[in-house]
Structures are given as C-alpha cells and as structure tokens.
C-alpha cells in the first residue's frame, strides 16, 4: 500500500512538490520510480538555483531512457 502525504502537490506527469518555508522540495512518485527502474544518470541544479513554473529542473536517465523533470 502506498503512502500519499497530504502536504504534497502532484503533477499528472508523476512529479510532486512540497513547500518548506521559502524552499520547494520536488520528487517523483513511487509509480514513476517503478516505471523508470534503475537510474544511470542524474543531472541536478546548483544549490540555490531558482526556477519558473514549468521550467525543467532535473534530468533523469534510466535503463528505459531519459526524462526531463
């Protein structure tokens, strides 16, 4: 059974976001993790980087291909 915290906001593309003070923490759902399988590459932004809504934040590459989130 999956755990769905009430403080997360979800996108239809399986990303989630949570506001912690003036910082937004983002991640991907358990379902997306299962679909991606093993990650082989992750490109993260610099600490403190700022982004606009809808802007690409991270690149994930898995054994099944790559995804930009």
PDB file of N, CA and C in Angstrom:
ATOM      1  N   UNK A   1       0.850  -1.178   0.000  1.00  0.00           N
ATOM      2  CA  UNK A   1       0.000   0.000   0.000  1.00  0.00           C
ATOM      3  C   UNK A   1       0.893   1.237   0.000  1.00  0.00           C
ATOM      4  N   UNK A   2       0.599   2.187  -0.874  1.00  0.00           N
ATOM      5  CA  UNK A   2       1.438   3.381  -0.949  1.00  0.00           C
ATOM      6  C   UNK A   2       0.996   4.423   0.074  1.00  0.00           C
ATOM      7  N   UNK A   3       1.948   5.245   0.446  1.00  0.00           N
ATOM      8  CA  UNK A   3       1.707   6.323   1.386  1.00  0.00           C
ATOM      9  C   UNK A   3       1.594   7.625   0.591  1.00  0.00           C
ATOM     10  N   UNK A   4       0.485   8.345   0.710  1.00  0.00           N
ATOM     11  CA  UNK A   4       0.270   9.593  -0.013  1.00  0.00           C
ATOM     12  C   UNK A   4       0.159  10.741   0.988  1.00  0.00           C
ATOM     13  N   UNK A   5       1.272  11.416   1.277  1.00  0.00           N
ATOM     14  CA  UNK A   5       1.237  12.520   2.238  1.00  0.00           C
ATOM     15  C   UNK A   5       0.324  13.649   1.770  1.00  0.00           C
ATOM     16  N   UNK A   6      -0.372  14.266   2.710  1.00  0.00           N
ATOM     17  CA  UNK A   6      -1.309  15.355   2.403  1.00  0.00           C
ATOM     18  C   UNK A   6      -0.614  16.651   2.023  1.00  0.00           C
ATOM     19  N   UNK A   7       0.671  16.817   2.368  1.00  0.00           N
ATOM     20  CA  UNK A   7       1.349  18.089   2.099  1.00  0.00           C
ATOM     21  C   UNK A   7       2.013  18.145   0.726  1.00  0.00           C
ATOM     22  N   UNK A   8       1.832  17.116  -0.106  1.00  0.00           N
ATOM     23  CA  UNK A   8       2.431  17.100  -1.437  1.00  0.00           C
ATOM     24  C   UNK A   8       1.427  17.543  -2.484  1.00  0.00           C
ATOM     25  N   UNK A   9       1.907  18.278  -3.483  1.00  0.00           N
ATOM     26  CA  UNK A   9       1.115  18.669  -4.648  1.00  0.00           C
ATOM     27  C   UNK A   9       1.644  17.851  -5.827  1.00  0.00           C
ATOM     28  N   UNK A  10       0.732  17.204  -6.557  1.00  0.00           N
ATOM     29  CA  UNK A  10       1.137  16.285  -7.617  1.00  0.00           C
ATOM     30  C   UNK A  10       0.848  16.832  -9.005  1.00  0.00           C
ATOM     31  N   UNK A  11       1.742  16.513  -9.957  1.00  0.00           N
ATOM     32  CA  UNK A  11       1.526  16.794 -11.376  1.00  0.00           C
ATOM     33  C   UNK A  11       1.074  15.499 -12.039  1.00  0.00           C
ATOM     34  N   UNK A  12       0.361  15.614 -13.146  1.00  0.00           N
ATOM     35  CA  UNK A  12      -0.103  14.412 -13.844  1.00  0.00           C
ATOM     36  C   UNK A  12       1.063  13.608 -14.421  1.00  0.00           C
ATOM     37  N   UNK A  13       2.229  14.223 -14.517  1.00  0.00           N
ATOM     38  CA  UNK A  13       3.422  13.557 -15.040  1.00  0.00           C
ATOM     39  C   UNK A  13       4.254  12.890 -13.943  1.00  0.00           C
ATOM     40  N   UNK A  14       3.665  12.677 -12.762  1.00  0.00           N
ATOM     41  CA  UNK A  14       4.250  11.914 -11.658  1.00  0.00           C
ATOM     42  C   UNK A  14       5.318  12.633 -10.852  1.00  0.00           C
ATOM     43  N   UNK A  15       5.410  13.953 -10.961  1.00  0.00           N
ATOM     44  CA  UNK A  15       6.277  14.703 -10.055  1.00  0.00           C
ATOM     45  C   UNK A  15       5.434  15.210  -8.895  1.00  0.00           C
ATOM     46  N   UNK A  16       6.103  15.479  -7.782  1.00  0.00           N
ATOM     47  CA  UNK A  16       5.420  16.097  -6.636  1.00  0.00           C
ATOM     48  C   UNK A  16       6.269  17.254  -6.140  1.00  0.00           C
ATOM     49  N   UNK A  17       5.624  18.155  -5.413  1.00  0.00           N
ATOM     50  CA  UNK A  17       6.304  19.303  -4.816  1.00  0.00           C
ATOM     51  C   UNK A  17       5.748  19.542  -3.425  1.00  0.00           C
ATOM     52  N   UNK A  18       6.610  20.000  -2.531  1.00  0.00           N
ATOM     53  CA  UNK A  18       6.211  20.327  -1.157  1.00  0.00           C
ATOM     54  C   UNK A  18       6.913  21.621  -0.763  1.00  0.00           C
ATOM     55  N   UNK A  19       6.154  22.570  -0.255  1.00  0.00           N
ATOM     56  CA  UNK A  19       6.704  23.835   0.192  1.00  0.00           C
ATOM     57  C   UNK A  19       7.212  23.692   1.623  1.00  0.00           C
ATOM     58  N   UNK A  20       8.493  24.042   1.815  1.00  0.00           N
ATOM     59  CA  UNK A  20       9.117  24.022   3.144  1.00  0.00           C
ATOM     60  C   UNK A  20       9.689  25.403   3.398  1.00  0.00           C
ATOM     61  N   UNK A  21       8.890  26.268   4.005  1.00  0.00           N
ATOM     62  CA  UNK A  21       9.312  27.659   4.203  1.00  0.00           C
ATOM     63  C   UNK A  21       9.334  28.363   2.871  1.00  0.00           C
ATOM     64  N   UNK A  22      10.512  28.858   2.450  1.00  0.00           N
ATOM     65  CA  UNK A  22      10.610  29.523   1.153  1.00  0.00           C
ATOM     66  C   UNK A  22      11.306  28.637   0.113  1.00  0.00           C
ATOM     67  N   UNK A  23      11.402  27.336   0.401  1.00  0.00           N
ATOM     68  CA  UNK A  23      12.032  26.369  -0.495  1.00  0.00           C
ATOM     69  C   UNK A  23      10.986  25.356  -0.947  1.00  0.00           C
ATOM     70  N   UNK A  24      11.035  24.986  -2.227  1.00  0.00           N
ATOM     71  CA  UNK A  24      10.160  23.939  -2.743  1.00  0.00           C
ATOM     72  C   UNK A  24      10.998  22.684  -2.956  1.00  0.00           C
ATOM     73  N   UNK A  25      10.605  21.609  -2.304  1.00  0.00           N
ATOM     74  CA  UNK A  25      11.254  20.310  -2.447  1.00  0.00           C
ATOM     75  C   UNK A  25      10.459  19.532  -3.493  1.00  0.00           C
ATOM     76  N   UNK A  26      11.143  18.919  -4.465  1.00  0.00           N
ATOM     77  CA  UNK A  26      10.461  18.170  -5.520  1.00  0.00           C
ATOM     78  C   UNK A  26      10.944  16.729  -5.552  1.00  0.00           C
ATOM     79  N   UNK A  27      10.123  15.866  -6.114  1.00  0.00           N
ATOM     80  CA  UNK A  27      10.482  14.465  -6.256  1.00  0.00           C
ATOM     81  C   UNK A  27       9.584  13.804  -7.272  1.00  0.00           C
ATOM     82  N   UNK A  28       9.733  12.496  -7.408  1.00  0.00           N
ATOM     83  CA  UNK A  28       8.869  11.737  -8.303  1.00  0.00           C
ATOM     84  C   UNK A  28       8.130  10.683  -7.489  1.00  0.00           C
ATOM     85  N   UNK A  29       6.959  10.319  -7.978  1.00  0.00           N
ATOM     86  CA  UNK A  29       6.105   9.375  -7.259  1.00  0.00           C
ATOM     87  C   UNK A  29       6.712   7.976  -7.245  1.00  0.00           C
ATOM     88  N   UNK A  30       6.220   7.148  -6.339  1.00  0.00           N
ATOM     89  CA  UNK A  30       6.636   5.744  -6.291  1.00  0.00           C
ATOM     90  C   UNK A  30       6.353   5.070  -7.625  1.00  0.00           C
ATOM     91  N   UNK A  31       5.208   5.404  -8.225  1.00  0.00           N
ATOM     92  CA  UNK A  31       4.840   4.817  -9.518  1.00  0.00           C
ATOM     93  C   UNK A  31       5.881   5.158 -10.582  1.00  0.00           C
ATOM     94  N   UNK A  32       6.306   6.418 -10.643  1.00  0.00           N
ATOM     95  CA  UNK A  32       7.329   6.836 -11.612  1.00  0.00           C
ATOM     96  C   UNK A  32       8.642   6.127 -11.339  1.00  0.00           C
ATOM     97  N   UNK A  33       8.992   5.969 -10.070  1.00  0.00           N
ATOM     98  CA  UNK A  33      10.224   5.260  -9.726  1.00  0.00           C
ATOM     99  C   UNK A  33      10.174   3.820 -10.212  1.00  0.00           C
ATOM    100  N   UNK A  34       9.027   3.178 -10.046  1.00  0.00           N
ATOM    101  CA  UNK A  34       8.868   1.797 -10.518  1.00  0.00           C
ATOM    102  C   UNK A  34       8.982   1.729 -12.039  1.00  0.00           C
ATOM    103  N   UNK A  35       8.376   2.697 -12.749  1.00  0.00           N
ATOM    104  CA  UNK A  35       8.426   2.703 -14.213  1.00  0.00           C
ATOM    105  C   UNK A  35       9.833   2.948 -14.738  1.00  0.00           C
ATOM    106  N   UNK A  36      10.581   3.850 -14.095  1.00  0.00           N
ATOM    107  CA  UNK A  36      11.922   4.189 -14.553  1.00  0.00           C
ATOM    108  C   UNK A  36      12.925   3.066 -14.300  1.00  0.00           C
ATOM    109  N   UNK A  37      12.737   2.328 -13.235  1.00  0.00           N
ATOM    110  CA  UNK A  37      13.708   1.292 -12.899  1.00  0.00           C
ATOM    111  C   UNK A  37      14.993   1.908 -12.371  1.00  0.00           C
ATOM    112  N   UNK A  38      16.108   1.285 -12.683  1.00  0.00           N
ATOM    113  CA  UNK A  38      17.408   1.754 -12.192  1.00  0.00           C
ATOM    114  C   UNK A  38      17.821   3.039 -12.897  1.00  0.00           C
ATOM    115  N   UNK A  39      18.210   4.041 -12.111  1.00  0.00           N
ATOM    116  CA  UNK A  39      18.736   5.283 -12.670  1.00  0.00           C
ATOM    117  C   UNK A  39      20.211   5.104 -12.971  1.00  0.00           C
ATOM    118  N   UNK A  40      20.637   5.604 -14.131  1.00  0.00           N
ATOM    119  CA  UNK A  40      22.044   5.510 -14.505  1.00  0.00           C
ATOM    120  C   UNK A  40      22.712   6.883 -14.555  1.00  0.00           C
ATOM    121  N   UNK A  41      21.895   7.957 -14.534  1.00  0.00           N
ATOM    122  CA  UNK A  41      22.438   9.314 -14.577  1.00  0.00           C
ATOM    123  C   UNK A  41      21.406  10.269 -14.009  1.00  0.00           C
ATOM    124  N   UNK A  42      21.867  11.226 -13.195  1.00  0.00           N
ATOM    125  CA  UNK A  42      21.006  12.275 -12.658  1.00  0.00           C
ATOM    126  C   UNK A  42      21.756  13.598 -12.778  1.00  0.00           C
ATOM    127  N   UNK A  43      21.131  14.582 -13.408  1.00  0.00           N
ATOM    128  CA  UNK A  43      21.714  15.925 -13.507  1.00  0.00           C
ATOM    129  C   UNK A  43      20.875  16.864 -12.653  1.00  0.00           C
ATOM    130  N   UNK A  44      21.468  17.351 -11.559  1.00  0.00           N
ATOM    131  CA  UNK A  44      20.771  18.215 -10.608  1.00  0.00           C
ATOM    132  C   UNK A  44      21.190  19.670 -10.793  1.00  0.00           C
ATOM    133  N   UNK A  45      20.312  20.596 -10.420  1.00  0.00           N
ATOM    134  CA  UNK A  45      20.666  22.017 -10.499  1.00  0.00           C
ATOM    135  C   UNK A  45      21.619  22.394  -9.371  1.00  0.00           C
ATOM    136  N   UNK A  46      22.243  23.551  -9.511  1.00  0.00           N
ATOM    137  CA  UNK A  46      23.090  24.066  -8.439  1.00  0.00           C
ATOM    138  C   UNK A  46      22.230  24.405  -7.227  1.00  0.00           C
ATOM    139  N   UNK A  47      22.797  24.262  -6.045  1.00  0.00           N
ATOM    140  CA  UNK A  47      22.107  24.630  -4.811  1.00  0.00           C
ATOM    141  C   UNK A  47      21.748  26.106  -4.884  1.00  0.00           C
ATOM    142  N   UNK A  48      20.507  26.423  -4.553  1.00  0.00           N
ATOM    143  CA  UNK A  48      20.050  27.806  -4.555  1.00  0.00           C
ATOM    144  C   UNK A  48      19.515  28.289  -5.891  1.00  0.00           C
ATOM    145  N   UNK A  49      19.572  27.437  -6.922  1.00  0.00           N
ATOM    146  CA  UNK A  49      19.045  27.839  -8.234  1.00  0.00           C
ATOM    147  C   UNK A  49      17.545  28.107  -8.127  1.00  0.00           C
ATOM    148  N   UNK A  50      17.059  29.045  -8.915  1.00  0.00           N
ATOM    149  CA  UNK A  50      15.636  29.383  -8.919  1.00  0.00           C
ATOM    150  C   UNK A  50      15.042  29.049 -10.276  1.00  0.00           C
ATOM    151  N   UNK A  51      13.772  28.618 -10.276  1.00  0.00           N
ATOM    152  CA  UNK A  51      13.113  28.185 -11.492  1.00  0.00           C
ATOM    153  C   UNK A  51      11.709  28.757 -11.565  1.00  0.00           C
ATOM    154  N   UNK A  52      11.246  28.959 -12.782  1.00  0.00           N
ATOM    155  CA  UNK A  52       9.866  29.384 -13.023  1.00  0.00           C
ATOM    156  C   UNK A  52       8.992  28.142 -13.172  1.00  0.00           C
ATOM    157  N   UNK A  53       7.709  28.303 -12.948  1.00  0.00           N
ATOM    158  CA  UNK A  53       6.766  27.197 -13.124  1.00  0.00           C
ATOM    159  C   UNK A  53       6.890  26.641 -14.536  1.00  0.00           C
ATOM    160  N   UNK A  54       6.941  25.318 -14.646  1.00  0.00           N
ATOM    161  CA  UNK A  54       7.019  24.661 -15.940  1.00  0.00           C
ATOM    162  C   UNK A  54       8.419  24.524 -16.499  1.00  0.00           C
ATOM    163  N   UNK A  55       9.404  25.124 -15.835  1.00  0.00           N
ATOM    164  CA  UNK A  55      10.783  25.069 -16.310  1.00  0.00           C
ATOM    165  C   UNK A  55      11.423  23.750 -15.899  1.00  0.00           C
ATOM    166  N   UNK A  56      12.252  23.196 -16.784  1.00  0.00           N
ATOM    167  CA  UNK A  56      12.978  21.963 -16.491  1.00  0.00           C
ATOM    168  C   UNK A  56      13.907  22.179 -15.306  1.00  0.00           C
ATOM    169  N   UNK A  57      13.925  21.203 -14.390  1.00  0.00           N
ATOM    170  CA  UNK A  57      14.719  21.330 -13.170  1.00  0.00           C
ATOM    171  C   UNK A  57      15.808  20.263 -13.091  1.00  0.00           C
ATOM    172  N   UNK A  58      15.496  19.051 -13.490  1.00  0.00           N
ATOM    173  CA  UNK A  58      16.429  17.939 -13.344  1.00  0.00           C
ATOM    174  C   UNK A  58      16.289  16.998 -14.537  1.00  0.00           C
ATOM    175  N   UNK A  59      17.380  16.294 -14.847  1.00  0.00           N
ATOM    176  CA  UNK A  59      17.360  15.275 -15.895  1.00  0.00           C
ATOM    177  C   UNK A  59      17.639  13.931 -15.239  1.00  0.00           C
ATOM    178  N   UNK A  60      16.771  12.957 -15.516  1.00  0.00           N
ATOM    179  CA  UNK A  60      16.959  11.595 -15.028  1.00  0.00           C
ATOM    180  C   UNK A  60      17.130  10.665 -16.213  1.00  0.00           C
ATOM    181  N   UNK A  61      18.114   9.799 -16.158  1.00  0.00           N
ATOM    182  CA  UNK A  61      18.285   8.799 -17.204  1.00  0.00           C
ATOM    183  C   UNK A  61      18.235   7.428 -16.537  1.00  0.00           C
ATOM    184  N   UNK A  62      17.399   6.576 -17.104  1.00  0.00           N
ATOM    185  CA  UNK A  62      17.257   5.237 -16.547  1.00  0.00           C
ATOM    186  C   UNK A  62      17.593   4.210 -17.622  1.00  0.00           C
ATOM    187  N   UNK A  63      17.531   2.963 -17.271  1.00  0.00           N
ATOM    188  CA  UNK A  63      17.768   1.891 -18.230  1.00  0.00           C
ATOM    189  C   UNK A  63      16.719   1.919 -19.339  1.00  0.00           C
ATOM    190  N   UNK A  64      15.566   2.582 -19.094  1.00  0.00           N
ATOM    191  CA  UNK A  64      14.485   2.641 -20.080  1.00  0.00           C
ATOM    192  C   UNK A  64      14.535   3.891 -20.942  1.00  0.00           C
ATOM    193  N   UNK A  65      15.457   4.808 -20.696  1.00  0.00           N
ATOM    194  CA  UNK A  65      15.529   6.051 -21.459  1.00  0.00           C
ATOM    195  C   UNK A  65      15.752   7.232 -20.540  1.00  0.00           C
ATOM    196  N   UNK A  66      15.507   8.452 -21.029  1.00  0.00           N
ATOM    197  CA  UNK A  66      15.726   9.644 -20.219  1.00  0.00           C
ATOM    198  C   UNK A  66      14.425  10.413 -20.077  1.00  0.00           C
ATOM    199  N   UNK A  67      14.349  11.165 -19.010  1.00  0.00           N
ATOM    200  CA  UNK A  67      13.197  12.016 -18.715  1.00  0.00           C
ATOM    201  C   UNK A  67      13.701  13.330 -18.175  1.00  0.00           C
ATOM    202  N   UNK A  68      13.047  14.401 -18.594  1.00  0.00           N
ATOM    203  CA  UNK A  68      13.373  15.723 -18.058  1.00  0.00           C
ATOM    204  C   UNK A  68      12.224  16.178 -17.191  1.00  0.00           C
ATOM    205  N   UNK A  69      12.525  16.557 -15.956  1.00  0.00           N
ATOM    206  CA  UNK A  69      11.501  16.973 -14.999  1.00  0.00           C
ATOM    207  C   UNK A  69      11.742  18.401 -14.571  1.00  0.00           C
TER     208      UNK A  69
END
